[in-house]
Amino acid sequence: RANSSENILSSANRLLLHEGQLMLAESTRLLDVYLFLFDDFLLITKIKHNKKKYGGSDTSLIPVCPSPTPELQSLIREGGFCTVLDQPIPLDRLILKNVEPV
């Protein structure tokens, strides 16, 4: 929802702990996702690819990230961008489990 996610990153006290690309296994398919782990929630975004490629210095697609990681910069250069997949998951409601590789 555009309205509820507009200021999702506006907290000045929020810390980005880790970010990176993963494959999310849904019931019948695999999705390319890019995760942002903050100190208070996990944000899952879906990677989408454009045919148009952006220059390496074009960070207008990610204005909330002043210094994107090389992985995110590469994704943008290849014409990719991230859209929020679902509501952020608060860390106090998140349970992590190790699973065997498929």
PDB file of N, CA and C in Angstrom:
ATOM      1  N   ARG A   1       0.836  -1.181   0.000  1.00  0.00           N
ATOM      2  CA  ARG A   1       0.000   0.000   0.000  1.00  0.00           C
ATOM      3  C   ARG A   1       0.875   1.236   0.000  1.00  0.00           C
ATOM      4  N   ALA A   2       0.662   2.084  -0.952  1.00  0.00           N
ATOM      5  CA  ALA A   2       1.508   3.267  -1.099  1.00  0.00           C
ATOM      6  C   ALA A   2       1.476   4.147   0.147  1.00  0.00           C
ATOM      7  N   ASN A   3       0.304   4.370   0.714  1.00  0.00           N
ATOM      8  CA  ASN A   3       0.183   5.275   1.849  1.00  0.00           C
ATOM      9  C   ASN A   3       0.928   4.782   3.081  1.00  0.00           C
ATOM     10  N   SER A   4       0.800   3.493   3.389  1.00  0.00           N
ATOM     11  CA  SER A   4       1.391   3.000   4.625  1.00  0.00           C
ATOM     12  C   SER A   4       2.890   2.759   4.512  1.00  0.00           C
ATOM     13  N   SER A   5       3.438   2.667   3.316  1.00  0.00           N
ATOM     14  CA  SER A   5       4.864   2.384   3.186  1.00  0.00           C
ATOM     15  C   SER A   5       5.688   3.605   2.800  1.00  0.00           C
ATOM     16  N   GLU A   6       5.069   4.764   2.665  1.00  0.00           N
ATOM     17  CA  GLU A   6       5.801   5.955   2.241  1.00  0.00           C
ATOM     18  C   GLU A   6       6.927   6.319   3.196  1.00  0.00           C
ATOM     19  N   ASN A   7       6.647   6.311   4.496  1.00  0.00           N
ATOM     20  CA  ASN A   7       7.639   6.740   5.472  1.00  0.00           C
ATOM     21  C   ASN A   7       8.239   5.571   6.233  1.00  0.00           C
ATOM     22  N   ILE A   8       8.322   4.439   5.599  1.00  0.00           N
ATOM     23  CA  ILE A   8       8.769   3.220   6.265  1.00  0.00           C
ATOM     24  C   ILE A   8      10.198   3.335   6.793  1.00  0.00           C
ATOM     25  N   LEU A   9      11.023   4.117   6.126  1.00  0.00           N
ATOM     26  CA  LEU A   9      12.419   4.236   6.517  1.00  0.00           C
ATOM     27  C   LEU A   9      12.731   5.572   7.174  1.00  0.00           C
ATOM     28  N   SER A  10      11.723   6.268   7.654  1.00  0.00           N
ATOM     29  CA  SER A  10      11.919   7.632   8.117  1.00  0.00           C
ATOM     30  C   SER A  10      12.518   7.748   9.514  1.00  0.00           C
ATOM     31  N   SER A  11      12.570   6.679  10.282  1.00  0.00           N
ATOM     32  CA  SER A  11      13.103   6.755  11.632  1.00  0.00           C
ATOM     33  C   SER A  11      14.595   7.070  11.606  1.00  0.00           C
ATOM     34  N   ALA A  12      14.975   8.128  12.309  1.00  0.00           N
ATOM     35  CA  ALA A  12      16.390   8.505  12.364  1.00  0.00           C
ATOM     36  C   ALA A  12      17.186   7.547  13.242  1.00  0.00           C
ATOM     37  N   ASN A  13      16.506   6.811  14.113  1.00  0.00           N
ATOM     38  CA  ASN A  13      17.186   5.898  15.030  1.00  0.00           C
ATOM     39  C   ASN A  13      17.321   4.488  14.486  1.00  0.00           C
ATOM     40  N   ARG A  14      16.725   4.201  13.343  1.00  0.00           N
ATOM     41  CA  ARG A  14      16.736   2.848  12.765  1.00  0.00           C
ATOM     42  C   ARG A  14      18.097   2.565  12.131  1.00  0.00           C
ATOM     43  N   LEU A  15      18.604   1.349  12.368  1.00  0.00           N
ATOM     44  CA  LEU A  15      19.884   0.946  11.796  1.00  0.00           C
ATOM     45  C   LEU A  15      19.693  -0.185  10.798  1.00  0.00           C
ATOM     46  N   LEU A  16      20.344  -0.073   9.661  1.00  0.00           N
ATOM     47  CA  LEU A  16      20.365  -1.147   8.682  1.00  0.00           C
ATOM     48  C   LEU A  16      21.488  -2.088   9.079  1.00  0.00           C
ATOM     49  N   LEU A  17      21.128  -3.332   9.455  1.00  0.00           N
ATOM     50  CA  LEU A  17      22.111  -4.300   9.926  1.00  0.00           C
ATOM     51  C   LEU A  17      22.712  -5.120   8.790  1.00  0.00           C
ATOM     52  N   HIS A  18      21.858  -5.489   7.833  1.00  0.00           N
ATOM     53  CA  HIS A  18      22.325  -6.334   6.729  1.00  0.00           C
ATOM     54  C   HIS A  18      21.337  -6.230   5.581  1.00  0.00           C
ATOM     55  N   GLU A  19      21.813  -6.487   4.376  1.00  0.00           N
ATOM     56  CA  GLU A  19      20.945  -6.525   3.211  1.00  0.00           C
ATOM     57  C   GLU A  19      21.533  -7.498   2.212  1.00  0.00           C
ATOM     58  N   GLY A  20      20.685  -8.039   1.352  1.00  0.00           N
ATOM     59  CA  GLY A  20      21.193  -8.943   0.343  1.00  0.00           C
ATOM     60  C   GLY A  20      20.090  -9.640  -0.423  1.00  0.00           C
ATOM     61  N   GLN A  21      20.505 -10.278  -1.495  1.00  0.00           N
ATOM     62  CA  GLN A  21      19.589 -10.955  -2.413  1.00  0.00           C
ATOM     63  C   GLN A  21      19.428 -12.412  -1.997  1.00  0.00           C
ATOM     64  N   LEU A  22      18.187 -12.913  -2.066  1.00  0.00           N
ATOM     65  CA  LEU A  22      17.867 -14.305  -1.748  1.00  0.00           C
ATOM     66  C   LEU A  22      16.792 -14.813  -2.694  1.00  0.00           C
ATOM     67  N   MET A  23      16.562 -16.114  -2.650  1.00  0.00           N
ATOM     68  CA  MET A  23      15.439 -16.730  -3.353  1.00  0.00           C
ATOM     69  C   MET A  23      14.395 -17.081  -2.301  1.00  0.00           C
ATOM     70  N   LEU A  24      13.171 -16.649  -2.524  1.00  0.00           N
ATOM     71  CA  LEU A  24      12.067 -16.940  -1.618  1.00  0.00           C
ATOM     72  C   LEU A  24      11.224 -18.043  -2.233  1.00  0.00           C
ATOM     73  N   ALA A  25      11.038 -19.121  -1.492  1.00  0.00           N
ATOM     74  CA  ALA A  25      10.239 -20.244  -1.987  1.00  0.00           C
ATOM     75  C   ALA A  25       8.791 -20.020  -1.597  1.00  0.00           C
ATOM     76  N   GLU A  26       7.964 -19.738  -2.593  1.00  0.00           N
ATOM     77  CA  GLU A  26       6.533 -19.665  -2.369  1.00  0.00           C
ATOM     78  C   GLU A  26       5.962 -21.038  -2.663  1.00  0.00           C
ATOM     79  N   SER A  27       4.669 -21.200  -2.565  1.00  0.00           N
ATOM     80  CA  SER A  27       4.066 -22.531  -2.703  1.00  0.00           C
ATOM     81  C   SER A  27       4.400 -23.220  -4.021  1.00  0.00           C
ATOM     82  N   THR A  28       4.361 -22.499  -5.137  1.00  0.00           N
ATOM     83  CA  THR A  28       4.589 -23.145  -6.432  1.00  0.00           C
ATOM     84  C   THR A  28       5.723 -22.537  -7.248  1.00  0.00           C
ATOM     85  N   ARG A  29       6.404 -21.522  -6.710  1.00  0.00           N
ATOM     86  CA  ARG A  29       7.446 -20.870  -7.497  1.00  0.00           C
ATOM     87  C   ARG A  29       8.524 -20.271  -6.598  1.00  0.00           C
ATOM     88  N   LEU A  30       9.611 -19.888  -7.234  1.00  0.00           N
ATOM     89  CA  LEU A  30      10.697 -19.208  -6.540  1.00  0.00           C
ATOM     90  C   LEU A  30      10.715 -17.746  -6.963  1.00  0.00           C
ATOM     91  N   LEU A  31      10.925 -16.863  -6.009  1.00  0.00           N
ATOM     92  CA  LEU A  31      10.963 -15.424  -6.271  1.00  0.00           C
ATOM     93  C   LEU A  31      12.336 -14.875  -5.939  1.00  0.00           C
ATOM     94  N   ASP A  32      12.866 -14.008  -6.806  1.00  0.00           N
ATOM     95  CA  ASP A  32      14.067 -13.252  -6.474  1.00  0.00           C
ATOM     96  C   ASP A  32      13.644 -12.133  -5.541  1.00  0.00           C
ATOM     97  N   VAL A  33      14.237 -12.084  -4.349  1.00  0.00           N
ATOM     98  CA  VAL A  33      13.911 -11.029  -3.394  1.00  0.00           C
ATOM     99  C   VAL A  33      15.190 -10.376  -2.902  1.00  0.00           C
ATOM    100  N   TYR A  34      15.043  -9.174  -2.412  1.00  0.00           N
ATOM    101  CA  TYR A  34      16.146  -8.444  -1.801  1.00  0.00           C
ATOM    102  C   TYR A  34      15.677  -8.063  -0.408  1.00  0.00           C
ATOM    103  N   LEU A  35      16.414  -8.511   0.607  1.00  0.00           N
ATOM    104  CA  LEU A  35      16.031  -8.292   1.998  1.00  0.00           C
ATOM    105  C   LEU A  35      16.805  -7.135   2.609  1.00  0.00           C
ATOM    106  N   PHE A  36      16.130  -6.396   3.465  1.00  0.00           N
ATOM    107  CA  PHE A  36      16.751  -5.350   4.260  1.00  0.00           C
ATOM    108  C   PHE A  36      16.454  -5.685   5.723  1.00  0.00           C
ATOM    109  N   LEU A  37      17.491  -6.000   6.498  1.00  0.00           N
ATOM    110  CA  LEU A  37      17.332  -6.318   7.912  1.00  0.00           C
ATOM    111  C   LEU A  37      17.713  -5.096   8.722  1.00  0.00           C
ATOM    112  N   PHE A  38      16.705  -4.510   9.334  1.00  0.00           N
ATOM    113  CA  PHE A  38      16.930  -3.364  10.212  1.00  0.00           C
ATOM    114  C   PHE A  38      16.937  -3.862  11.647  1.00  0.00           C
ATOM    115  N   ASP A  39      17.262  -2.990  12.576  1.00  0.00           N
ATOM    116  CA  ASP A  39      17.320  -3.403  13.970  1.00  0.00           C
ATOM    117  C   ASP A  39      15.940  -3.617  14.586  1.00  0.00           C
ATOM    118  N   ASP A  40      14.867  -3.254  13.863  1.00  0.00           N
ATOM    119  CA  ASP A  40      13.525  -3.458  14.415  1.00  0.00           C
ATOM    120  C   ASP A  40      12.577  -4.232  13.497  1.00  0.00           C
ATOM    121  N   PHE A  41      12.919  -4.404  12.218  1.00  0.00           N
ATOM    122  CA  PHE A  41      12.073  -5.194  11.320  1.00  0.00           C
ATOM    123  C   PHE A  41      12.845  -5.714  10.123  1.00  0.00           C
ATOM    124  N   LEU A  42      12.230  -6.667   9.439  1.00  0.00           N
ATOM    125  CA  LEU A  42      12.759  -7.237   8.204  1.00  0.00           C
ATOM    126  C   LEU A  42      11.862  -6.788   7.063  1.00  0.00           C
ATOM    127  N   LEU A  43      12.457  -6.201   6.038  1.00  0.00           N
ATOM    128  CA  LEU A  43      11.711  -5.735   4.879  1.00  0.00           C
ATOM    129  C   LEU A  43      12.067  -6.619   3.695  1.00  0.00           C
ATOM    130  N   ILE A  44      11.058  -7.232   3.086  1.00  0.00           N
ATOM    131  CA  ILE A  44      11.263  -8.089   1.926  1.00  0.00           C
ATOM    132  C   ILE A  44      10.760  -7.350   0.696  1.00  0.00           C
ATOM    133  N   THR A  45      11.649  -7.204  -0.272  1.00  0.00           N
ATOM    134  CA  THR A  45      11.270  -6.542  -1.514  1.00  0.00           C
ATOM    135  C   THR A  45      11.420  -7.527  -2.664  1.00  0.00           C
ATOM    136  N   LYS A  46      10.595  -7.344  -3.673  1.00  0.00           N
ATOM    137  CA  LYS A  46      10.644  -8.183  -4.865  1.00  0.00           C
ATOM    138  C   LYS A  46      11.509  -7.495  -5.899  1.00  0.00           C
ATOM    139  N   ILE A  47      12.401  -8.265  -6.505  1.00  0.00           N
ATOM    140  CA  ILE A  47      13.267  -7.718  -7.542  1.00  0.00           C
ATOM    141  C   ILE A  47      12.536  -7.774  -8.877  1.00  0.00           C
ATOM    142  N   LYS A  48      12.467  -6.630  -9.526  1.00  0.00           N
ATOM    143  CA  LYS A  48      11.873  -6.560 -10.857  1.00  0.00           C
ATOM    144  C   LYS A  48      12.941  -6.068 -11.812  1.00  0.00           C
ATOM    145  N   HIS A  49      12.842  -6.494 -13.051  1.00  0.00           N
ATOM    146  CA  HIS A  49      13.846  -6.124 -14.044  1.00  0.00           C
ATOM    147  C   HIS A  49      13.205  -5.328 -15.166  1.00  0.00           C
ATOM    148  N   ASN A  50      13.831  -4.205 -15.500  1.00  0.00           N
ATOM    149  CA  ASN A  50      13.430  -3.381 -16.637  1.00  0.00           C
ATOM    150  C   ASN A  50      14.333  -3.718 -17.809  1.00  0.00           C
ATOM    151  N   LYS A  51      13.837  -3.476 -18.997  1.00  0.00           N
ATOM    152  CA  LYS A  51      14.705  -3.629 -20.172  1.00  0.00           C
ATOM    153  C   LYS A  51      15.654  -2.451 -20.261  1.00  0.00           C
ATOM    154  N   LYS A  52      15.206  -1.286 -19.776  1.00  0.00           N
ATOM    155  CA  LYS A  52      16.060  -0.104 -19.787  1.00  0.00           C
ATOM    156  C   LYS A  52      17.111  -0.260 -18.694  1.00  0.00           C
ATOM    157  N   LYS A  53      18.349   0.053 -19.027  1.00  0.00           N
ATOM    158  CA  LYS A  53      19.425  -0.024 -18.036  1.00  0.00           C
ATOM    159  C   LYS A  53      19.737   1.375 -17.540  1.00  0.00           C
ATOM    160  N   TYR A  54      20.045   1.447 -16.263  1.00  0.00           N
ATOM    161  CA  TYR A  54      20.352   2.727 -15.648  1.00  0.00           C
ATOM    162  C   TYR A  54      21.854   2.841 -15.460  1.00  0.00           C
ATOM    163  N   GLY A  55      22.331   4.067 -15.460  1.00  0.00           N
ATOM    164  CA  GLY A  55      23.760   4.290 -15.237  1.00  0.00           C
ATOM    165  C   GLY A  55      24.127   4.000 -13.797  1.00  0.00           C
ATOM    166  N   GLY A  56      25.396   3.744 -13.551  1.00  0.00           N
ATOM    167  CA  GLY A  56      25.867   3.405 -12.218  1.00  0.00           C
ATOM    168  C   GLY A  56      25.671   4.523 -11.217  1.00  0.00           C
ATOM    169  N   SER A  57      25.592   5.768 -11.700  1.00  0.00           N
ATOM    170  CA  SER A  57      25.438   6.876 -10.769  1.00  0.00           C
ATOM    171  C   SER A  57      23.978   7.236 -10.535  1.00  0.00           C
ATOM    172  N   ASP A  58      23.060   6.555 -11.183  1.00  0.00           N
ATOM    173  CA  ASP A  58      21.634   6.869 -11.019  1.00  0.00           C
ATOM    174  C   ASP A  58      21.094   6.174  -9.785  1.00  0.00           C
ATOM    175  N   THR A  59      21.003   6.940  -8.695  1.00  0.00           N
ATOM    176  CA  THR A  59      20.463   6.369  -7.460  1.00  0.00           C
ATOM    177  C   THR A  59      19.085   6.941  -7.155  1.00  0.00           C
ATOM    178  N   SER A  60      18.427   7.535  -8.148  1.00  0.00           N
ATOM    179  CA  SER A  60      17.121   8.131  -7.911  1.00  0.00           C
ATOM    180  C   SER A  60      16.073   7.079  -7.555  1.00  0.00           C
ATOM    181  N   LEU A  61      16.325   5.826  -7.911  1.00  0.00           N
ATOM    182  CA  LEU A  61      15.368   4.774  -7.583  1.00  0.00           C
ATOM    183  C   LEU A  61      15.427   4.375  -6.126  1.00  0.00           C
ATOM    184  N   ILE A  62      16.506   4.698  -5.459  1.00  0.00           N
ATOM    185  CA  ILE A  62      16.642   4.329  -4.060  1.00  0.00           C
ATOM    186  C   ILE A  62      17.060   5.546  -3.237  1.00  0.00           C
ATOM    187  N   PRO A  63      16.195   6.568  -3.161  1.00  0.00           N
ATOM    188  CA  PRO A  63      16.574   7.798  -2.469  1.00  0.00           C
ATOM    189  C   PRO A  63      16.785   7.608  -0.981  1.00  0.00           C
ATOM    190  N   VAL A  64      16.262   6.545  -0.384  1.00  0.00           N
ATOM    191  CA  VAL A  64      16.413   6.343   1.051  1.00  0.00           C
ATOM    192  C   VAL A  64      17.730   5.671   1.386  1.00  0.00           C
ATOM    193  N   CYS A  65      18.483   5.267   0.407  1.00  0.00           N
ATOM    194  CA  CYS A  65      19.741   4.554   0.627  1.00  0.00           C
ATOM    195  C   CYS A  65      20.883   5.406   0.094  1.00  0.00           C
ATOM    196  N   PRO A  66      21.526   6.226   0.949  1.00  0.00           N
ATOM    197  CA  PRO A  66      22.533   7.160   0.459  1.00  0.00           C
ATOM    198  C   PRO A  66      23.772   6.488  -0.127  1.00  0.00           C
ATOM    199  N   SER A  67      24.134   5.297   0.349  1.00  0.00           N
ATOM    200  CA  SER A  67      25.300   4.610  -0.212  1.00  0.00           C
ATOM    201  C   SER A  67      24.956   3.141  -0.417  1.00  0.00           C
ATOM    202  N   PRO A  68      24.350   2.821  -1.567  1.00  0.00           N
ATOM    203  CA  PRO A  68      23.948   1.434  -1.815  1.00  0.00           C
ATOM    204  C   PRO A  68      25.153   0.503  -1.896  1.00  0.00           C
ATOM    205  N   THR A  69      24.942  -0.732  -1.497  1.00  0.00           N
ATOM    206  CA  THR A  69      26.004  -1.734  -1.551  1.00  0.00           C
ATOM    207  C   THR A  69      26.337  -2.039  -3.005  1.00  0.00           C
ATOM    208  N   PRO A  70      27.513  -2.605  -3.258  1.00  0.00           N
ATOM    209  CA  PRO A  70      27.860  -2.986  -4.635  1.00  0.00           C
ATOM    210  C   PRO A  70      26.816  -3.931  -5.257  1.00  0.00           C
ATOM    211  N   GLU A  71      26.253  -4.831  -4.444  1.00  0.00           N
ATOM    212  CA  GLU A  71      25.233  -5.758  -4.952  1.00  0.00           C
ATOM    213  C   GLU A  71      23.993  -5.005  -5.425  1.00  0.00           C
ATOM    214  N   LEU A  72      23.555  -4.020  -4.646  1.00  0.00           N
ATOM    215  CA  LEU A  72      22.386  -3.225  -5.024  1.00  0.00           C
ATOM    216  C   LEU A  72      22.713  -2.318  -6.210  1.00  0.00           C
ATOM    217  N   GLN A  73      23.908  -1.751  -6.251  1.00  0.00           N
ATOM    218  CA  GLN A  73      24.323  -0.930  -7.390  1.00  0.00           C
ATOM    219  C   GLN A  73      24.314  -1.755  -8.668  1.00  0.00           C
ATOM    220  N   SER A  74      24.802  -2.982  -8.598  1.00  0.00           N
ATOM    221  CA  SER A  74      24.821  -3.867  -9.758  1.00  0.00           C
ATOM    222  C   SER A  74      23.412  -4.179 -10.232  1.00  0.00           C
ATOM    223  N   LEU A  75      22.511  -4.433  -9.301  1.00  0.00           N
ATOM    224  CA  LEU A  75      21.113  -4.708  -9.624  1.00  0.00           C
ATOM    225  C   LEU A  75      20.492  -3.532 -10.379  1.00  0.00           C
ATOM    226  N   ILE A  76      20.780  -2.323  -9.928  1.00  0.00           N
ATOM    227  CA  ILE A  76      20.233  -1.120 -10.571  1.00  0.00           C
ATOM    228  C   ILE A  76      20.838  -0.930 -11.959  1.00  0.00           C
ATOM    229  N   ARG A  77      22.155  -1.135 -12.075  1.00  0.00           N
ATOM    230  CA  ARG A  77      22.811  -1.000 -13.386  1.00  0.00           C
ATOM    231  C   ARG A  77      22.244  -1.971 -14.404  1.00  0.00           C
ATOM    232  N   GLU A  78      21.829  -3.152 -13.948  1.00  0.00           N
ATOM    233  CA  GLU A  78      21.268  -4.158 -14.840  1.00  0.00           C
ATOM    234  C   GLU A  78      19.787  -3.905 -15.139  1.00  0.00           C
ATOM    235  N   GLY A  79      19.263  -2.767 -14.698  1.00  0.00           N
ATOM    236  CA  GLY A  79      17.879  -2.417 -14.976  1.00  0.00           C
ATOM    237  C   GLY A  79      16.904  -2.954 -13.955  1.00  0.00           C
ATOM    238  N   GLY A  80      17.384  -3.394 -12.813  1.00  0.00           N
ATOM    239  CA  GLY A  80      16.496  -3.927 -11.781  1.00  0.00           C
ATOM    240  C   GLY A  80      16.100  -2.870 -10.775  1.00  0.00           C
ATOM    241  N   PHE A  81      15.023  -3.148 -10.070  1.00  0.00           N
ATOM    242  CA  PHE A  81      14.596  -2.293  -8.975  1.00  0.00           C
ATOM    243  C   PHE A  81      13.816  -3.147  -7.992  1.00  0.00           C
ATOM    244  N   CYS A  82      13.612  -2.630  -6.813  1.00  0.00           N
ATOM    245  CA  CYS A  82      12.937  -3.375  -5.749  1.00  0.00           C
ATOM    246  C   CYS A  82      11.613  -2.707  -5.395  1.00  0.00           C
ATOM    247  N   THR A  83      10.587  -3.527  -5.238  1.00  0.00           N
ATOM    248  CA  THR A  83       9.307  -3.041  -4.735  1.00  0.00           C
ATOM    249  C   THR A  83       8.976  -3.829  -3.475  1.00  0.00           C
ATOM    250  N   VAL A  84       8.356  -3.169  -2.529  1.00  0.00           N
ATOM    251  CA  VAL A  84       8.023  -3.823  -1.259  1.00  0.00           C
ATOM    252  C   VAL A  84       7.029  -4.935  -1.534  1.00  0.00           C
ATOM    253  N   LEU A  85       7.372  -6.138  -1.083  1.00  0.00           N
ATOM    254  CA  LEU A  85       6.541  -7.316  -1.329  1.00  0.00           C
ATOM    255  C   LEU A  85       5.368  -7.395  -0.366  1.00  0.00           C
ATOM    256  N   ASP A  86       5.606  -7.077   0.881  1.00  0.00           N
ATOM    257  CA  ASP A  86       4.570  -7.177   1.899  1.00  0.00           C
ATOM    258  C   ASP A  86       4.931  -6.224   3.031  1.00  0.00           C
ATOM    259  N   GLN A  87       4.086  -6.182   4.052  1.00  0.00           N
ATOM    260  CA  GLN A  87       4.368  -5.322   5.190  1.00  0.00           C
ATOM    261  C   GLN A  87       5.642  -5.792   5.882  1.00  0.00           C
ATOM    262  N   PRO A  88       6.399  -4.859   6.460  1.00  0.00           N
ATOM    263  CA  PRO A  88       7.607  -5.246   7.189  1.00  0.00           C
ATOM    264  C   PRO A  88       7.263  -6.211   8.321  1.00  0.00           C
ATOM    265  N   ILE A  89       8.193  -7.106   8.630  1.00  0.00           N
ATOM    266  CA  ILE A  89       7.979  -8.080   9.694  1.00  0.00           C
ATOM    267  C   ILE A  89       8.751  -7.611  10.924  1.00  0.00           C
ATOM    268  N   PRO A  90       8.044  -7.258  12.007  1.00  0.00           N
ATOM    269  CA  PRO A  90       8.750  -6.851  13.226  1.00  0.00           C
ATOM    270  C   PRO A  90       9.609  -8.004  13.742  1.00  0.00           C
ATOM    271  N   LEU A  91      10.811  -7.684  14.200  1.00  0.00           N
ATOM    272  CA  LEU A  91      11.727  -8.736  14.644  1.00  0.00           C
ATOM    273  C   LEU A  91      11.209  -9.491  15.858  1.00  0.00           C
ATOM    274  N   ASP A  92      10.370  -8.848  16.669  1.00  0.00           N
ATOM    275  CA  ASP A  92       9.831  -9.564  17.831  1.00  0.00           C
ATOM    276  C   ASP A  92       8.762 -10.583  17.434  1.00  0.00           C
ATOM    277  N   ARG A  93       8.361 -10.607  16.154  1.00  0.00           N
ATOM    278  CA  ARG A  93       7.402 -11.599  15.655  1.00  0.00           C
ATOM    279  C   ARG A  93       8.024 -12.554  14.649  1.00  0.00           C
ATOM    280  N   LEU A  94       9.325 -12.476  14.482  1.00  0.00           N
ATOM    281  CA  LEU A  94      10.023 -13.273  13.485  1.00  0.00           C
ATOM    282  C   LEU A  94      10.678 -14.481  14.147  1.00  0.00           C
ATOM    283  N   ILE A  95      10.473 -15.640  13.542  1.00  0.00           N
ATOM    284  CA  ILE A  95      11.104 -16.860  14.029  1.00  0.00           C
ATOM    285  C   ILE A  95      11.957 -17.418  12.892  1.00  0.00           C
ATOM    286  N   LEU A  96      13.221 -17.664  13.164  1.00  0.00           N
ATOM    287  CA  LEU A  96      14.136 -18.206  12.163  1.00  0.00           C
ATOM    288  C   LEU A  96      14.424 -19.664  12.480  1.00  0.00           C
ATOM    289  N   LYS A  97      14.455 -20.487  11.434  1.00  0.00           N
ATOM    290  CA  LYS A  97      14.753 -21.904  11.585  1.00  0.00           C
ATOM    291  C   LYS A  97      15.721 -22.321  10.502  1.00  0.00           C
ATOM    292  N   ASN A  98      16.646 -23.207  10.830  1.00  0.00           N
ATOM    293  CA  ASN A  98      17.513 -23.796   9.817  1.00  0.00           C
ATOM    294  C   ASN A  98      16.751 -24.876   9.097  1.00  0.00           C
ATOM    295  N   VAL A  99      16.867 -24.899   7.777  1.00  0.00           N
ATOM    296  CA  VAL A  99      16.224 -25.947   6.983  1.00  0.00           C
ATOM    297  C   VAL A  99      17.260 -26.578   6.082  1.00  0.00           C
ATOM    298  N   GLU A 100      17.012 -27.805   5.698  1.00  0.00           N
ATOM    299  CA  GLU A 100      17.910 -28.509   4.791  1.00  0.00           C
ATOM    300  C   GLU A 100      17.731 -27.937   3.380  1.00  0.00           C
ATOM    301  N   PRO A 101      18.820 -27.842   2.602  1.00  0.00           N
ATOM    302  CA  PRO A 101      18.691 -27.355   1.226  1.00  0.00           C
ATOM    303  C   PRO A 101      17.781 -28.279   0.415  1.00  0.00           C
ATOM    304  N   VAL A 102      17.037 -27.655  -0.508  1.00  0.00           N
ATOM    305  CA  VAL A 102      16.118 -28.428  -1.346  1.00  0.00           C
ATOM    306  C   VAL A 102      16.886 -29.093  -2.474  1.00  0.00           C
TER     307      VAL A 102
END
